[in-house]
Amino acid sequence: MREFTLEIFEEQLTRQVVHMDQGVCYNPEFRATRRMHDYPSRKLQIARAVYKEELEPSEYAADIVFSAILSGQGERWQNFGEDPYEYTLVSMLCREMLLKKGVGTKYAKALLDLLKKNDGHIADVSEYASAWQEAMPLSGESGVYLCLDDATAACVPHCARGLGDLFRRRGMEFQGGIGPVFAGYEYFAYGLIDEGIAHLKKWVEALKSGGIDTVVTLSGQTETIFRLLMPAVGIAHGFRVKNVLDFFSTIQMPQLAYAYAGSFYARALRREALINALLPNKEERPAAWSGEFNPILEADNRVNTVTKWQPPVCPEFAAPGLDETLLERIREDAVAQIGLSGASLTVVFDPHAYHALLESGCRGRVAYYAELL
């Protein structure tokens, strides 16, 4: 019997609908549209009304609920210390509910079409597999699995050699057969919960049968899958989980830089303090133009303090079929706030965001953190 259902999470849904009106200044969808139905609790209020049969299911309602980029920019936990991942989990279940009621199916179709087009991946990763395989330290005796997600494989293949050298210096070796993997997060983001759970179970079983006892993730999304999403959906995998950031020492950047952590690291996993520590300043003080939620610094290395309120650049998952105008407005808003820092270098810790910022006209140079090894 499935443990992850809207019926079981109904209390959490109701809690997320009780709005606090505390997030108008930092919620990305609301900042982009200024429409109250894009406010977090209002989206789920609509979904809950459909679930309770107080509102007829409609494509209009589905468009509203599916438009959230699941960045974790809610209104309850950031101000009141509640579970940072609850809103996202409930949103996934609400999307499944809408699909079962026959609305929003165009979103699920867009995802399935993308996966079909790319032979089960979210991008064409075929040309990148060999570069990652050749760069990594391998051992036939290793019980360590390198989780090379599709986005990392396709967006930052130029970082493979540097990351491989990092792991060698740390004495880490991986089981052979390294290649890009579709981690399955998009199934959940698009409401295809049964497909997502089946995908994760099959993945876990394959790793265990291969003698894997430790998983090293290369992105915040995949660390979130193993640490938060699998337990939430009832999968007890039993692996030791490490993230690539755990292998880093501090980074001195070539010029003053803005650090963009990404939503998985800064909110779901609460690794903002780690990222600040990886890019230390010898001297810093609040800049006169600093904002309340996204502090800007006068400093010698990193010109901002990464916080749980850092504006998201984009969904950190493949987003076929989502409103491109909304996504562009969210990206423009985040880029404008990065620009206020005055930095000529933006260091990015998420592959999706790295790709988005490269194409956005972000001021100065955009670098993936692994380029600075």
Protein backbone atom coordinates (compact mmCIF):
# COMPACT_ATOMS: atom_id res chain seq x y z
CA MET A 1 0.00 0.00 0.00
CA ARG A 2 1.33 3.43 -0.95
CA GLU A 3 2.33 5.62 1.99
CA PHE A 4 2.54 8.85 0.02
CA THR A 5 -1.04 9.93 -0.76
CA LEU A 6 -3.07 13.11 -0.49
CA GLU A 7 -5.43 11.35 1.90
CA ILE A 8 -2.55 10.72 4.31
CA PHE A 9 -1.19 14.25 3.76
CA GLU A 10 -4.59 15.99 4.07
CA GLU A 11 -3.64 17.63 7.38
CA GLN A 12 -0.45 19.00 5.82
CA LEU A 13 -2.46 20.30 2.87
CA THR A 14 -4.85 22.15 5.18
CA ARG A 15 -1.92 23.63 7.11
CA GLN A 16 -0.35 24.93 3.90
CA VAL A 17 -3.65 26.53 2.86
CA VAL A 18 -3.81 28.59 6.07
CA HIS A 19 -2.02 31.63 4.70
CA MET A 20 0.14 34.06 6.63
CA ASP A 21 0.60 36.77 3.98
CA GLN A 22 4.27 36.85 4.94
CA GLY A 23 5.90 36.04 1.63
CA VAL A 24 4.80 38.70 -0.85
CA CYS A 25 8.26 40.21 -1.05
CA TYR A 26 10.11 37.02 -1.97
CA ASN A 27 7.74 34.46 -3.54
CA PRO A 28 8.93 34.15 -7.17
CA GLU A 29 5.63 33.44 -8.90
CA PHE A 30 3.83 36.25 -7.09
CA ARG A 31 6.68 38.68 -7.76
CA ALA A 32 6.51 37.75 -11.44
CA THR A 33 2.74 38.16 -11.93
CA ARG A 34 1.37 40.14 -8.94
CA ARG A 35 -1.65 37.82 -9.09
CA MET A 36 -2.93 36.55 -5.77
CA HIS A 37 -3.68 33.12 -7.14
CA ASP A 38 0.09 32.79 -7.64
CA TYR A 39 0.65 33.21 -3.91
CA PRO A 40 1.68 29.83 -2.38
CA SER A 41 -1.24 29.23 -0.03
CA ARG A 42 -3.77 30.40 -2.62
CA LYS A 43 -2.52 27.85 -5.15
CA LEU A 44 -3.06 25.06 -2.67
CA GLN A 45 -6.36 26.58 -1.55
CA ILE A 46 -7.59 26.09 -5.11
CA ALA A 47 -6.22 22.53 -5.21
CA ARG A 48 -7.78 21.71 -1.84
CA ALA A 49 -11.17 23.01 -2.99
CA VAL A 50 -11.01 20.70 -6.01
CA TYR A 51 -9.93 17.80 -3.78
CA LYS A 52 -12.83 18.46 -1.37
CA GLU A 53 -15.23 18.76 -4.34
CA GLU A 54 -16.00 22.36 -3.45
CA LEU A 55 -14.72 23.50 -6.84
CA GLU A 56 -15.07 21.86 -10.23
CA PRO A 57 -11.77 20.65 -11.70
CA SER A 58 -10.73 22.82 -14.63
CA GLU A 59 -7.75 23.47 -16.86
CA TYR A 60 -7.62 26.99 -15.41
CA ALA A 61 -7.17 25.59 -11.91
CA ALA A 62 -4.56 23.11 -13.17
CA ASP A 63 -2.60 25.91 -14.87
CA ILE A 64 -2.44 27.77 -11.57
CA VAL A 65 -1.34 24.76 -9.51
CA PHE A 66 1.21 23.53 -12.07
CA SER A 67 2.81 26.96 -12.47
CA ALA A 68 4.73 26.84 -9.17
CA ILE A 69 8.40 26.08 -9.79
CA LEU A 70 8.62 24.19 -6.46
CA SER A 71 11.52 26.35 -5.30
CA GLY A 72 10.56 26.11 -1.64
CA GLN A 73 9.78 29.82 -1.44
CA GLY A 74 6.69 29.30 0.70
CA GLU A 75 5.23 31.56 3.35
CA ARG A 76 5.06 29.43 6.51
CA TRP A 77 8.34 27.68 7.15
CA GLN A 78 10.65 30.56 6.19
CA ASN A 79 9.02 32.80 8.78
CA PHE A 80 7.80 30.32 11.37
CA GLY A 81 10.33 27.50 11.29
CA GLU A 82 8.06 24.78 9.95
CA ASP A 83 9.01 21.83 7.71
CA PRO A 84 10.74 23.35 4.66
CA TYR A 85 9.76 20.51 2.31
CA GLU A 86 6.10 20.08 3.23
CA TYR A 87 4.73 22.57 0.71
CA THR A 88 6.61 20.89 -2.13
CA LEU A 89 5.42 17.38 -1.21
CA VAL A 90 1.82 18.52 -0.89
CA SER A 91 2.05 20.33 -4.25
CA MET A 92 3.21 17.13 -5.93
CA LEU A 93 0.25 15.22 -4.50
CA CYS A 94 -2.18 17.95 -5.54
CA ARG A 95 -0.89 17.75 -9.08
CA GLU A 96 -1.46 14.01 -9.06
CA MET A 97 -5.01 14.60 -7.81
CA LEU A 98 -5.70 17.01 -10.67
CA LEU A 99 -4.35 14.54 -13.23
CA LYS A 100 -6.66 11.86 -11.86
CA LYS A 101 -9.57 14.26 -12.28
CA GLY A 102 -8.63 14.69 -15.93
CA VAL A 103 -7.12 18.20 -15.90
CA GLY A 104 -3.52 19.31 -16.36
CA THR A 105 -2.72 16.24 -18.43
CA LYS A 106 -0.92 18.40 -21.00
CA TYR A 107 1.88 18.89 -18.48
CA ALA A 108 2.37 15.20 -17.86
CA LYS A 109 2.30 14.57 -21.60
CA ALA A 110 4.97 17.20 -22.18
CA LEU A 111 7.27 15.46 -19.70
CA LEU A 112 6.64 11.98 -21.07
CA ASP A 113 7.25 13.26 -24.61
CA LEU A 114 10.57 14.75 -23.50
CA LEU A 115 11.66 11.49 -21.88
CA LYS A 116 10.65 9.54 -24.97
CA LYS A 117 12.56 11.93 -27.21
CA ASN A 118 15.74 11.48 -25.17
CA ASP A 119 15.49 7.72 -24.55
CA GLY A 120 14.50 8.06 -20.90
CA HIS A 121 16.55 11.15 -20.08
CA ILE A 122 15.60 14.80 -19.69
CA ALA A 123 18.29 15.86 -22.17
CA ASP A 124 20.37 14.31 -24.93
CA VAL A 125 23.22 13.04 -22.77
CA SER A 126 24.71 10.50 -25.18
CA GLU A 127 27.70 12.65 -26.17
CA TYR A 128 28.72 13.38 -22.55
CA ALA A 129 28.90 9.90 -21.04
CA SER A 130 32.46 9.11 -22.11
CA ALA A 131 33.90 12.37 -20.74
CA TRP A 132 32.56 11.66 -17.25
CA GLN A 133 33.52 7.97 -17.34
CA GLU A 134 37.10 8.79 -18.34
CA ALA A 135 37.49 11.59 -15.78
CA MET A 136 36.50 9.68 -12.63
CA PRO A 137 38.66 7.41 -10.45
CA LEU A 138 37.29 3.87 -10.73
CA SER A 139 37.77 0.61 -8.88
CA GLY A 140 36.14 -2.75 -9.40
CA GLU A 141 36.23 -3.26 -5.63
CA SER A 142 34.40 -0.04 -4.79
CA GLY A 143 30.96 0.03 -3.21
CA VAL A 144 30.57 3.75 -3.97
CA TYR A 145 28.18 4.97 -6.67
CA LEU A 146 28.65 8.35 -8.36
CA CYS A 147 25.18 9.73 -9.01
CA LEU A 148 25.71 11.62 -12.26
CA ASP A 149 22.34 13.23 -12.93
CA ASP A 150 21.33 14.22 -16.45
CA ALA A 151 21.50 17.98 -15.83
CA THR A 152 25.02 17.86 -14.39
CA ALA A 153 26.17 15.56 -17.19
CA ALA A 154 24.78 17.77 -19.95
CA CYS A 155 25.19 21.29 -18.52
CA VAL A 156 28.71 21.14 -17.06
CA PRO A 157 30.72 18.43 -18.87
CA HIS A 158 33.71 20.80 -18.80
CA CYS A 159 33.84 20.24 -15.01
CA ALA A 160 34.26 16.46 -15.23
CA ARG A 161 38.06 16.47 -15.19
CA GLY A 162 38.34 18.88 -12.27
CA LEU A 163 35.83 16.94 -10.19
CA GLY A 164 37.58 13.68 -11.00
CA ASP A 165 40.87 15.15 -9.80
CA LEU A 166 39.15 16.38 -6.62
CA PHE A 167 37.89 12.88 -5.83
CA ARG A 168 41.37 11.42 -6.47
CA ARG A 169 42.90 13.87 -4.02
CA ARG A 170 40.30 12.82 -1.45
CA GLY A 171 41.06 9.11 -1.99
CA MET A 172 37.61 8.38 -3.43
CA GLU A 173 37.03 5.66 -6.02
CA PHE A 174 33.76 4.72 -7.70
CA GLN A 175 32.29 1.57 -9.09
CA GLY A 176 32.67 1.47 -12.87
CA GLY A 177 29.99 2.12 -15.45
CA ILE A 178 29.54 5.81 -14.61
CA GLY A 179 26.99 7.42 -16.86
CA PRO A 180 24.17 9.97 -16.87
CA VAL A 181 21.05 8.90 -15.01
CA PHE A 182 17.50 10.26 -15.01
CA ALA A 183 16.95 10.69 -11.28
CA GLY A 184 13.15 10.80 -11.53
CA TYR A 185 12.42 14.08 -9.76
CA GLU A 186 10.38 15.33 -12.71
CA TYR A 187 7.89 12.48 -12.31
CA PHE A 188 6.99 13.84 -8.88
CA ALA A 189 7.07 17.49 -9.97
CA TYR A 190 4.55 16.66 -12.70
CA GLY A 191 2.23 14.66 -10.47
CA LEU A 192 3.20 11.25 -11.85
CA ILE A 193 3.72 9.83 -8.38
CA ASP A 194 3.24 6.12 -9.10
CA GLU A 195 5.72 6.34 -11.97
CA GLY A 196 8.16 8.23 -9.75
CA ILE A 197 8.01 5.73 -6.90
CA ALA A 198 8.40 2.79 -9.29
CA HIS A 199 11.39 4.51 -10.90
CA LEU A 200 13.12 5.16 -7.57
CA LYS A 201 12.48 1.63 -6.28
CA LYS A 202 13.94 0.13 -9.43
CA TRP A 203 16.98 2.40 -9.15
CA VAL A 204 17.57 1.50 -5.49
CA GLU A 205 17.21 -2.20 -6.19
CA ALA A 206 19.72 -1.99 -9.04
CA LEU A 207 22.26 -0.21 -6.84
CA LYS A 208 21.87 -2.73 -4.01
CA SER A 209 22.19 -5.67 -6.36
CA GLY A 210 25.42 -4.11 -7.63
CA GLY A 211 26.94 -4.03 -4.16
CA ILE A 212 26.57 -0.29 -3.60
CA ASP A 213 26.58 0.94 -0.01
CA THR A 214 27.47 4.63 -0.51
CA VAL A 215 26.02 7.21 -2.91
CA VAL A 216 27.85 10.43 -3.83
CA THR A 217 25.58 13.03 -5.39
CA LEU A 218 26.68 15.85 -7.69
CA SER A 219 23.66 18.12 -7.30
CA GLY A 220 21.30 19.45 -4.67
CA GLN A 221 18.40 17.81 -6.46
CA THR A 222 19.81 14.28 -6.24
CA GLU A 223 20.89 14.75 -2.62
CA THR A 224 17.32 15.86 -1.89
CA ILE A 225 15.96 12.75 -3.60
CA PHE A 226 18.02 10.43 -1.39
CA ARG A 227 17.75 12.38 1.86
CA LEU A 228 14.19 13.77 1.74
CA LEU A 229 12.07 12.51 -1.14
CA MET A 230 12.73 8.78 -0.84
CA PRO A 231 11.91 8.71 2.91
CA ALA A 232 8.79 10.80 2.28
CA VAL A 233 7.43 8.32 -0.28
CA GLY A 234 8.26 5.27 1.85
CA ILE A 235 11.57 4.12 0.34
CA ALA A 236 14.15 3.21 3.00
CA HIS A 237 17.25 2.84 0.82
CA GLY A 238 19.86 2.38 3.58
CA PHE A 239 22.74 3.99 1.65
CA ARG A 240 25.27 6.36 3.13
CA VAL A 241 24.74 9.59 1.20
CA LYS A 242 27.45 12.16 0.54
CA ASN A 243 27.40 15.28 -1.59
CA VAL A 244 30.23 16.59 -3.72
CA LEU A 245 30.36 19.76 -1.60
CA ASP A 246 31.44 17.63 1.36
CA PHE A 247 34.74 17.01 -0.45
CA PHE A 248 35.58 20.68 -1.02
CA SER A 249 37.89 22.91 0.93
CA THR A 250 37.47 26.67 0.76
CA ILE A 251 37.48 28.47 -2.59
CA GLN A 252 39.25 31.77 -3.26
CA MET A 253 37.56 33.24 -6.29
CA PRO A 254 39.49 35.07 -9.04
CA GLN A 255 37.37 38.19 -8.56
CA LEU A 256 34.55 39.44 -6.36
CA ALA A 257 31.65 37.07 -6.89
CA TYR A 258 27.99 36.57 -6.13
CA ALA A 259 27.21 33.04 -4.89
CA TYR A 260 23.99 31.46 -6.18
CA ALA A 261 23.25 28.32 -4.16
CA GLY A 262 20.04 27.11 -5.76
CA SER A 263 16.77 26.12 -4.15
CA PHE A 264 17.66 22.53 -3.23
CA TYR A 265 20.81 23.55 -1.39
CA ALA A 266 19.51 26.75 0.21
CA ARG A 267 16.04 25.63 1.24
CA ALA A 268 15.30 21.90 0.97
CA LEU A 269 18.68 20.83 2.38
CA ARG A 270 19.50 24.00 4.36
CA ARG A 271 23.12 24.02 3.18
CA GLU A 272 23.35 27.80 2.86
CA ALA A 273 25.82 28.05 5.75
CA LEU A 274 28.09 25.45 4.13
CA ILE A 275 28.17 27.37 0.86
CA ASN A 276 28.96 30.61 2.66
CA ALA A 277 31.78 28.79 4.45
CA LEU A 278 33.16 27.38 1.19
CA LEU A 279 33.56 30.93 -0.14
CA PRO A 280 34.89 32.73 2.94
CA ASN A 281 35.60 36.42 3.31
CA LYS A 282 38.50 37.70 5.37
CA GLU A 283 36.67 40.97 5.78
CA GLU A 284 33.04 41.83 5.19
CA ARG A 285 30.39 44.33 6.19
CA PRO A 286 26.80 44.93 5.09
CA ALA A 287 26.59 47.11 2.00
CA ALA A 288 24.51 50.27 2.22
CA TRP A 289 22.29 48.98 -0.59
CA SER A 290 21.75 45.57 1.00
CA GLY A 291 18.25 44.15 1.14
CA GLU A 292 16.67 42.47 4.14
CA PHE A 293 16.30 38.96 2.77
CA ASN A 294 19.19 38.78 0.31
CA PRO A 295 22.11 40.50 2.09
CA ILE A 296 24.79 42.17 -0.04
CA LEU A 297 28.27 42.66 1.37
CA GLU A 298 31.29 44.85 0.92
CA ALA A 299 33.83 42.05 1.05
CA ASP A 300 36.98 40.56 -0.49
CA ASN A 301 35.69 37.28 -1.95
CA ARG A 302 31.91 36.69 -1.78
CA VAL A 303 29.68 39.77 -2.07
CA ASN A 304 26.47 38.24 -0.71
CA THR A 305 25.33 36.08 2.17
CA VAL A 306 23.45 33.05 0.88
CA THR A 307 20.17 32.68 2.79
CA LYS A 308 17.01 30.61 2.53
CA TRP A 309 15.35 33.63 0.88
CA GLN A 310 17.74 33.81 -2.08
CA PRO A 311 15.61 34.39 -5.21
CA PRO A 312 15.36 31.30 -7.44
CA VAL A 313 16.53 31.62 -11.03
CA CYS A 314 14.45 28.78 -12.43
CA PRO A 315 12.92 25.39 -11.64
CA GLU A 316 15.82 23.10 -10.82
CA PHE A 317 14.25 20.34 -12.87
CA ALA A 318 13.29 19.96 -16.52
CA ALA A 319 10.18 22.06 -17.11
CA PRO A 320 8.61 21.14 -20.48
CA GLY A 321 5.19 22.68 -21.01
CA LEU A 322 5.46 25.24 -18.21
CA ASP A 323 4.59 28.87 -18.97
CA GLU A 324 7.71 30.28 -20.63
CA THR A 325 6.63 33.88 -19.99
CA LEU A 326 6.34 33.22 -16.26
CA LEU A 327 9.69 31.42 -16.19
CA GLU A 328 11.33 34.32 -18.03
CA ARG A 329 9.93 36.86 -15.57
CA ILE A 330 11.18 34.81 -12.62
CA ARG A 331 14.63 34.58 -14.22
CA GLU A 332 14.72 38.32 -14.99
CA ASP A 333 13.75 39.15 -11.41
CA ALA A 334 16.53 36.96 -9.98
CA VAL A 335 19.09 38.33 -12.44
CA ALA A 336 18.15 41.89 -11.51
CA GLN A 337 18.72 41.12 -7.84
CA ILE A 338 22.07 39.50 -8.62
CA GLY A 339 22.96 42.65 -10.54
CA LEU A 340 22.42 44.78 -7.44
CA SER A 341 25.46 43.12 -5.90
CA GLY A 342 27.75 44.75 -8.45
CA ALA A 343 29.74 41.54 -8.84
CA SER A 344 31.29 40.73 -12.22
CA LEU A 345 31.29 36.98 -11.49
CA THR A 346 28.34 34.78 -10.50
CA VAL A 347 29.27 31.37 -9.06
CA VAL A 348 26.44 28.86 -9.43
CA PHE A 349 25.86 25.62 -7.51
CA ASP A 350 22.99 24.14 -9.57
CA PRO A 351 23.31 22.89 -13.18
CA HIS A 352 19.83 24.02 -14.28
CA ALA A 353 20.43 27.51 -12.86
CA TYR A 354 23.89 27.63 -14.44
CA HIS A 355 22.38 26.93 -17.85
CA ALA A 356 19.61 29.51 -17.28
CA LEU A 357 22.02 32.24 -16.17
CA LEU A 358 24.34 31.62 -19.12
CA GLU A 359 21.43 32.42 -21.43
CA SER A 360 19.98 35.28 -19.38
CA GLY A 361 22.39 38.13 -19.98
CA CYS A 362 23.53 38.00 -16.38
CA ARG A 363 26.16 40.65 -15.72
CA GLY A 364 29.76 39.54 -16.18
CA ARG A 365 30.96 35.96 -16.12
CA VAL A 366 28.84 33.02 -15.01
CA ALA A 367 30.84 30.10 -13.63
CA TYR A 368 29.92 26.70 -12.24
CA TYR A 369 31.55 26.29 -8.84
CA ALA A 370 33.59 23.28 -9.98
CA GLU A 371 35.39 25.48 -12.52
CA LEU A 372 37.13 27.22 -9.62
CA LEU A 373 38.89 24.14 -8.24
